[in-house]
Amino acid sequence: MQFQKEAEEEIGISLTSLIDVIFLLLIFFMVTTTIIEPSRRLDLQLPEAKAASSETKSVPVTIEMGQRGEISLNGEKVDLRTLEARLVGLGAGGKKTAMVRADRRLDYGRVVEVLGICRASGLHDIAIAVR
Protein backbone atom coordinates (compact mmCIF):
# COMPACT_ATOMS: atom_id res chain seq x y z
CA MET A 1 0.00 0.00 0.00
CA GLN A 2 1.34 3.38 -0.97
CA PHE A 3 0.53 6.48 0.96
CA GLN A 4 0.54 9.84 -0.72
CA LYS A 5 2.71 12.42 0.85
CA GLU A 6 0.82 15.63 1.67
CA ALA A 7 2.23 18.76 0.13
CA GLU A 8 4.00 20.80 2.77
CA GLU A 9 2.75 24.32 3.25
CA GLU A 10 5.41 26.95 2.73
CA ILE A 11 6.09 28.90 5.89
CA GLY A 12 7.04 32.57 5.53
CA ILE A 13 6.03 36.15 5.95
CA SER A 14 3.66 37.71 3.49
CA LEU A 15 5.53 40.67 1.99
CA THR A 16 2.51 42.26 0.39
CA SER A 17 1.22 43.94 3.55
CA LEU A 18 4.75 44.87 4.61
CA ILE A 19 5.37 46.63 1.29
CA ASP A 20 2.05 48.48 1.62
CA VAL A 21 3.04 49.77 5.05
CA ILE A 22 6.47 50.86 3.78
CA PHE A 23 4.90 52.80 0.89
CA LEU A 24 2.42 54.49 3.23
CA LEU A 25 5.25 55.55 5.55
CA LEU A 26 7.26 56.83 2.60
CA ILE A 27 4.35 58.93 1.36
CA PHE A 28 3.68 60.24 4.89
CA PHE A 29 7.27 61.39 5.37
CA MET A 30 7.44 62.93 1.90
CA VAL A 31 4.30 64.98 2.53
CA THR A 32 5.23 66.13 6.03
CA THR A 33 8.76 67.22 5.13
CA THR A 34 7.69 69.34 2.16
CA ILE A 35 5.18 71.43 4.07
CA ILE A 36 6.21 75.07 3.87
CA GLU A 37 5.02 77.63 6.36
CA PRO A 38 1.69 78.66 4.80
CA SER A 39 1.80 82.23 6.08
CA ARG A 40 4.99 83.01 4.15
CA ARG A 41 3.91 84.24 0.75
CA LEU A 42 6.56 86.82 -0.15
CA ASP A 43 10.18 86.13 -1.02
CA LEU A 44 12.02 88.12 1.64
CA GLN A 45 15.65 88.79 2.48
CA LEU A 46 15.59 89.61 6.16
CA PRO A 47 18.18 92.00 7.57
CA GLU A 48 20.98 90.55 9.68
CA ALA A 49 21.55 91.42 13.33
CA LYS A 50 24.24 90.35 15.79
CA ALA A 51 21.84 89.99 18.70
CA ALA A 52 19.10 88.10 16.87
CA SER A 53 17.08 85.74 19.03
CA SER A 54 16.40 82.29 17.64
CA GLU A 55 13.32 81.64 19.75
CA THR A 56 10.04 81.74 17.91
CA LYS A 57 6.72 82.10 19.64
CA SER A 58 3.36 81.58 18.08
CA VAL A 59 2.36 85.02 16.90
CA PRO A 60 -1.29 85.59 15.99
CA VAL A 61 -0.49 88.40 13.53
CA THR A 62 2.27 88.14 10.91
CA ILE A 63 2.88 91.09 8.60
CA GLU A 64 5.25 90.62 5.67
CA MET A 65 6.56 93.46 3.52
CA GLY A 66 8.17 92.71 0.17
CA GLN A 67 10.90 94.55 -1.70
CA ARG A 68 8.45 96.45 -3.90
CA GLY A 69 6.24 97.49 -0.98
CA GLU A 70 3.62 94.75 -1.18
CA ILE A 71 2.11 93.90 2.21
CA SER A 72 0.81 90.55 3.39
CA LEU A 73 -1.24 90.00 6.58
CA ASN A 74 -1.18 86.36 7.74
CA GLY A 75 -0.43 85.24 4.19
CA GLU A 76 -3.08 87.35 2.47
CA LYS A 77 -2.04 90.35 0.37
CA VAL A 78 -3.55 93.63 1.57
CA ASP A 79 -3.06 97.37 1.08
CA LEU A 80 -2.43 99.90 3.87
CA ARG A 81 -6.10 100.78 4.41
CA THR A 82 -7.17 97.15 4.62
CA LEU A 83 -4.24 96.40 6.91
CA GLU A 84 -5.28 99.17 9.28
CA ALA A 85 -8.92 98.06 9.31
CA ARG A 86 -8.06 94.44 10.04
CA LEU A 87 -5.49 95.28 12.69
CA VAL A 88 -7.99 97.47 14.55
CA GLY A 89 -10.29 94.45 14.76
CA LEU A 90 -7.48 92.21 15.99
CA GLY A 91 -6.00 94.67 18.48
CA ALA A 92 -9.31 95.56 20.11
CA GLY A 93 -9.63 92.13 21.72
CA GLY A 94 -6.89 92.74 24.29
CA LYS A 95 -3.11 92.57 24.26
CA LYS A 96 -2.00 91.06 20.95
CA THR A 97 1.42 90.53 19.44
CA ALA A 98 2.57 91.04 15.87
CA MET A 99 5.62 89.91 13.90
CA VAL A 100 6.77 92.24 11.12
CA ARG A 101 8.92 90.57 8.47
CA ALA A 102 10.27 93.28 6.18
CA ASP A 103 12.68 92.83 3.27
CA ARG A 104 16.04 94.47 3.92
CA ARG A 105 15.89 96.28 0.56
CA LEU A 106 12.61 98.00 1.46
CA ASP A 107 12.48 101.71 2.20
CA TYR A 108 12.75 102.35 5.95
CA GLY A 109 9.90 104.88 5.89
CA ARG A 110 7.47 102.25 4.66
CA VAL A 111 8.39 99.94 7.55
CA VAL A 112 7.94 102.75 10.08
CA GLU A 113 4.54 103.52 8.57
CA VAL A 114 3.38 99.92 9.09
CA LEU A 115 4.82 99.88 12.64
CA GLY A 116 2.82 103.05 13.38
CA ILE A 117 -0.35 101.44 12.07
CA CYS A 118 0.27 98.42 14.30
CA ARG A 119 0.77 100.59 17.37
CA ALA A 120 -2.25 102.79 16.62
CA SER A 121 -4.50 99.75 16.18
CA GLY A 122 -3.83 98.46 19.68
CA LEU A 123 -1.09 95.90 19.11
CA HIS A 124 1.28 96.25 22.06
CA ASP A 125 4.04 93.72 21.38
CA ILE A 126 5.53 94.25 17.94
CA ALA A 127 8.58 92.23 16.91
CA ILE A 128 10.75 92.69 13.83
CA ALA A 129 12.11 89.51 12.27
CA VAL A 130 15.84 89.34 11.47
CA ARG A 131 18.34 86.64 10.53
C-alpha atoms as a PDB file:
ATOM      1  CA  MET A   1       0.000   0.000   0.000  1.00  0.00           C
ATOM      2  CA  GLN A   2       1.341   3.379  -0.970  1.00  0.00           C
ATOM      3  CA  PHE A   3       0.530   6.482   0.960  1.00  0.00           C
ATOM      4  CA  GLN A   4       0.537   9.841  -0.721  1.00  0.00           C
ATOM      5  CA  LYS A   5       2.705  12.420   0.851  1.00  0.00           C
ATOM      6  CA  GLU A   6       0.824  15.632   1.666  1.00  0.00           C
ATOM      7  CA  ALA A   7       2.228  18.760   0.132  1.00  0.00           C
ATOM      8  CA  GLU A   8       3.999  20.804   2.765  1.00  0.00           C
ATOM      9  CA  GLU A   9       2.749  24.323   3.252  1.00  0.00           C
ATOM     10  CA  GLU A  10       5.411  26.953   2.725  1.00  0.00           C
ATOM     11  CA  ILE A  11       6.089  28.895   5.887  1.00  0.00           C
ATOM     12  CA  GLY A  12       7.035  32.566   5.528  1.00  0.00           C
ATOM     13  CA  ILE A  13       6.029  36.146   5.947  1.00  0.00           C
ATOM     14  CA  SER A  14       3.660  37.714   3.487  1.00  0.00           C
ATOM     15  CA  LEU A  15       5.526  40.666   1.987  1.00  0.00           C
ATOM     16  CA  THR A  16       2.507  42.262   0.394  1.00  0.00           C
ATOM     17  CA  SER A  17       1.219  43.940   3.554  1.00  0.00           C
ATOM     18  CA  LEU A  18       4.751  44.875   4.614  1.00  0.00           C
ATOM     19  CA  ILE A  19       5.370  46.626   1.290  1.00  0.00           C
ATOM     20  CA  ASP A  20       2.051  48.476   1.620  1.00  0.00           C
ATOM     21  CA  VAL A  21       3.040  49.773   5.045  1.00  0.00           C
ATOM     22  CA  ILE A  22       6.468  50.857   3.776  1.00  0.00           C
ATOM     23  CA  PHE A  23       4.901  52.804   0.892  1.00  0.00           C
ATOM     24  CA  LEU A  24       2.419  54.490   3.232  1.00  0.00           C
ATOM     25  CA  LEU A  25       5.246  55.550   5.553  1.00  0.00           C
ATOM     26  CA  LEU A  26       7.258  56.826   2.601  1.00  0.00           C
ATOM     27  CA  ILE A  27       4.347  58.928   1.364  1.00  0.00           C
ATOM     28  CA  PHE A  28       3.677  60.241   4.888  1.00  0.00           C
ATOM     29  CA  PHE A  29       7.269  61.392   5.375  1.00  0.00           C
ATOM     30  CA  MET A  30       7.439  62.934   1.903  1.00  0.00           C
ATOM     31  CA  VAL A  31       4.303  64.980   2.535  1.00  0.00           C
ATOM     32  CA  THR A  32       5.234  66.126   6.034  1.00  0.00           C
ATOM     33  CA  THR A  33       8.760  67.219   5.133  1.00  0.00           C
ATOM     34  CA  THR A  34       7.688  69.340   2.165  1.00  0.00           C
ATOM     35  CA  ILE A  35       5.176  71.433   4.070  1.00  0.00           C
ATOM     36  CA  ILE A  36       6.213  75.070   3.869  1.00  0.00           C
ATOM     37  CA  GLU A  37       5.020  77.630   6.355  1.00  0.00           C
ATOM     38  CA  PRO A  38       1.688  78.659   4.798  1.00  0.00           C
ATOM     39  CA  SER A  39       1.804  82.228   6.082  1.00  0.00           C
ATOM     40  CA  ARG A  40       4.988  83.007   4.149  1.00  0.00           C
ATOM     41  CA  ARG A  41       3.907  84.240   0.752  1.00  0.00           C
ATOM     42  CA  LEU A  42       6.560  86.817  -0.147  1.00  0.00           C
ATOM     43  CA  ASP A  43      10.181  86.133  -1.017  1.00  0.00           C
ATOM     44  CA  LEU A  44      12.018  88.123   1.645  1.00  0.00           C
ATOM     45  CA  GLN A  45      15.649  88.791   2.479  1.00  0.00           C
ATOM     46  CA  LEU A  46      15.589  89.613   6.164  1.00  0.00           C
ATOM     47  CA  PRO A  47      18.184  91.998   7.572  1.00  0.00           C
ATOM     48  CA  GLU A  48      20.979  90.545   9.676  1.00  0.00           C
ATOM     49  CA  ALA A  49      21.549  91.418  13.327  1.00  0.00           C
ATOM     50  CA  LYS A  50      24.244  90.347  15.786  1.00  0.00           C
ATOM     51  CA  ALA A  51      21.836  89.993  18.697  1.00  0.00           C
ATOM     52  CA  ALA A  52      19.103  88.097  16.870  1.00  0.00           C
ATOM     53  CA  SER A  53      17.083  85.738  19.030  1.00  0.00           C
ATOM     54  CA  SER A  54      16.398  82.291  17.638  1.00  0.00           C
ATOM     55  CA  GLU A  55      13.324  81.641  19.751  1.00  0.00           C
ATOM     56  CA  THR A  56      10.041  81.742  17.906  1.00  0.00           C
ATOM     57  CA  LYS A  57       6.724  82.100  19.637  1.00  0.00           C
ATOM     58  CA  SER A  58       3.363  81.581  18.082  1.00  0.00           C
ATOM     59  CA  VAL A  59       2.358  85.021  16.905  1.00  0.00           C
ATOM     60  CA  PRO A  60      -1.294  85.592  15.994  1.00  0.00           C
ATOM     61  CA  VAL A  61      -0.486  88.396  13.527  1.00  0.00           C
ATOM     62  CA  THR A  62       2.274  88.141  10.910  1.00  0.00           C
ATOM     63  CA  ILE A  63       2.875  91.086   8.601  1.00  0.00           C
ATOM     64  CA  GLU A  64       5.254  90.623   5.666  1.00  0.00           C
ATOM     65  CA  MET A  65       6.557  93.461   3.519  1.00  0.00           C
ATOM     66  CA  GLY A  66       8.175  92.705   0.169  1.00  0.00           C
ATOM     67  CA  GLN A  67      10.898  94.547  -1.698  1.00  0.00           C
ATOM     68  CA  ARG A  68       8.446  96.454  -3.898  1.00  0.00           C
ATOM     69  CA  GLY A  69       6.244  97.490  -0.979  1.00  0.00           C
ATOM     70  CA  GLU A  70       3.622  94.748  -1.180  1.00  0.00           C
ATOM     71  CA  ILE A  71       2.110  93.895   2.215  1.00  0.00           C
ATOM     72  CA  SER A  72       0.812  90.547   3.392  1.00  0.00           C
ATOM     73  CA  LEU A  73      -1.239  89.999   6.577  1.00  0.00           C
ATOM     74  CA  ASN A  74      -1.179  86.364   7.743  1.00  0.00           C
ATOM     75  CA  GLY A  75      -0.425  85.238   4.195  1.00  0.00           C
ATOM     76  CA  GLU A  76      -3.082  87.354   2.467  1.00  0.00           C
ATOM     77  CA  LYS A  77      -2.037  90.352   0.368  1.00  0.00           C
ATOM     78  CA  VAL A  78      -3.547  93.628   1.570  1.00  0.00           C
ATOM     79  CA  ASP A  79      -3.062  97.365   1.078  1.00  0.00           C
ATOM     80  CA  LEU A  80      -2.429  99.900   3.871  1.00  0.00           C
ATOM     81  CA  ARG A  81      -6.104 100.777   4.412  1.00  0.00           C
ATOM     82  CA  THR A  82      -7.175  97.146   4.616  1.00  0.00           C
ATOM     83  CA  LEU A  83      -4.236  96.395   6.914  1.00  0.00           C
ATOM     84  CA  GLU A  84      -5.277  99.171   9.280  1.00  0.00           C
ATOM     85  CA  ALA A  85      -8.920  98.059   9.311  1.00  0.00           C
ATOM     86  CA  ARG A  86      -8.059  94.439  10.037  1.00  0.00           C
ATOM     87  CA  LEU A  87      -5.486  95.284  12.695  1.00  0.00           C
ATOM     88  CA  VAL A  88      -7.990  97.474  14.548  1.00  0.00           C
ATOM     89  CA  GLY A  89     -10.285  94.449  14.763  1.00  0.00           C
ATOM     90  CA  LEU A  90      -7.475  92.212  15.986  1.00  0.00           C
ATOM     91  CA  GLY A  91      -6.000  94.666  18.480  1.00  0.00           C
ATOM     92  CA  ALA A  92      -9.306  95.561  20.109  1.00  0.00           C
ATOM     93  CA  GLY A  93      -9.632  92.133  21.723  1.00  0.00           C
ATOM     94  CA  GLY A  94      -6.888  92.736  24.291  1.00  0.00           C
ATOM     95  CA  LYS A  95      -3.108  92.568  24.264  1.00  0.00           C
ATOM     96  CA  LYS A  96      -1.997  91.059  20.949  1.00  0.00           C
ATOM     97  CA  THR A  97       1.425  90.527  19.442  1.00  0.00           C
ATOM     98  CA  ALA A  98       2.569  91.042  15.868  1.00  0.00           C
ATOM     99  CA  MET A  99       5.619  89.912  13.895  1.00  0.00           C
ATOM    100  CA  VAL A 100       6.769  92.239  11.120  1.00  0.00           C
ATOM    101  CA  ARG A 101       8.925  90.566   8.466  1.00  0.00           C
ATOM    102  CA  ALA A 102      10.274  93.280   6.175  1.00  0.00           C
ATOM    103  CA  ASP A 103      12.677  92.827   3.273  1.00  0.00           C
ATOM    104  CA  ARG A 104      16.039  94.471   3.923  1.00  0.00           C
ATOM    105  CA  ARG A 105      15.893  96.284   0.563  1.00  0.00           C
ATOM    106  CA  LEU A 106      12.605  97.998   1.459  1.00  0.00           C
ATOM    107  CA  ASP A 107      12.478 101.711   2.203  1.00  0.00           C
ATOM    108  CA  TYR A 108      12.752 102.350   5.947  1.00  0.00           C
ATOM    109  CA  GLY A 109       9.903 104.882   5.886  1.00  0.00           C
ATOM    110  CA  ARG A 110       7.472 102.249   4.658  1.00  0.00           C
ATOM    111  CA  VAL A 111       8.389  99.937   7.554  1.00  0.00           C
ATOM    112  CA  VAL A 112       7.942 102.748  10.077  1.00  0.00           C
ATOM    113  CA  GLU A 113       4.543 103.519   8.571  1.00  0.00           C
ATOM    114  CA  VAL A 114       3.381  99.921   9.092  1.00  0.00           C
ATOM    115  CA  LEU A 115       4.818  99.883  12.639  1.00  0.00           C
ATOM    116  CA  GLY A 116       2.819 103.046  13.380  1.00  0.00           C
ATOM    117  CA  ILE A 117      -0.355 101.441  12.068  1.00  0.00           C
ATOM    118  CA  CYS A 118       0.268  98.417  14.301  1.00  0.00           C
ATOM    119  CA  ARG A 119       0.768 100.587  17.368  1.00  0.00           C
ATOM    120  CA  ALA A 120      -2.251 102.791  16.625  1.00  0.00           C
ATOM    121  CA  SER A 121      -4.498  99.750  16.176  1.00  0.00           C
ATOM    122  CA  GLY A 122      -3.831  98.457  19.683  1.00  0.00           C
ATOM    123  CA  LEU A 123      -1.088  95.903  19.111  1.00  0.00           C
ATOM    124  CA  HIS A 124       1.278  96.253  22.060  1.00  0.00           C
ATOM    125  CA  ASP A 125       4.043  93.720  21.381  1.00  0.00           C
ATOM    126  CA  ILE A 126       5.528  94.253  17.945  1.00  0.00           C
ATOM    127  CA  ALA A 127       8.581  92.232  16.910  1.00  0.00           C
ATOM    128  CA  ILE A 128      10.751  92.692  13.833  1.00  0.00           C
ATOM    129  CA  ALA A 129      12.113  89.513  12.268  1.00  0.00           C
ATOM    130  CA  VAL A 130      15.844  89.339  11.473  1.00  0.00           C
ATOM    131  CA  ARG A 131      18.341  86.642  10.529  1.00  0.00           C
END
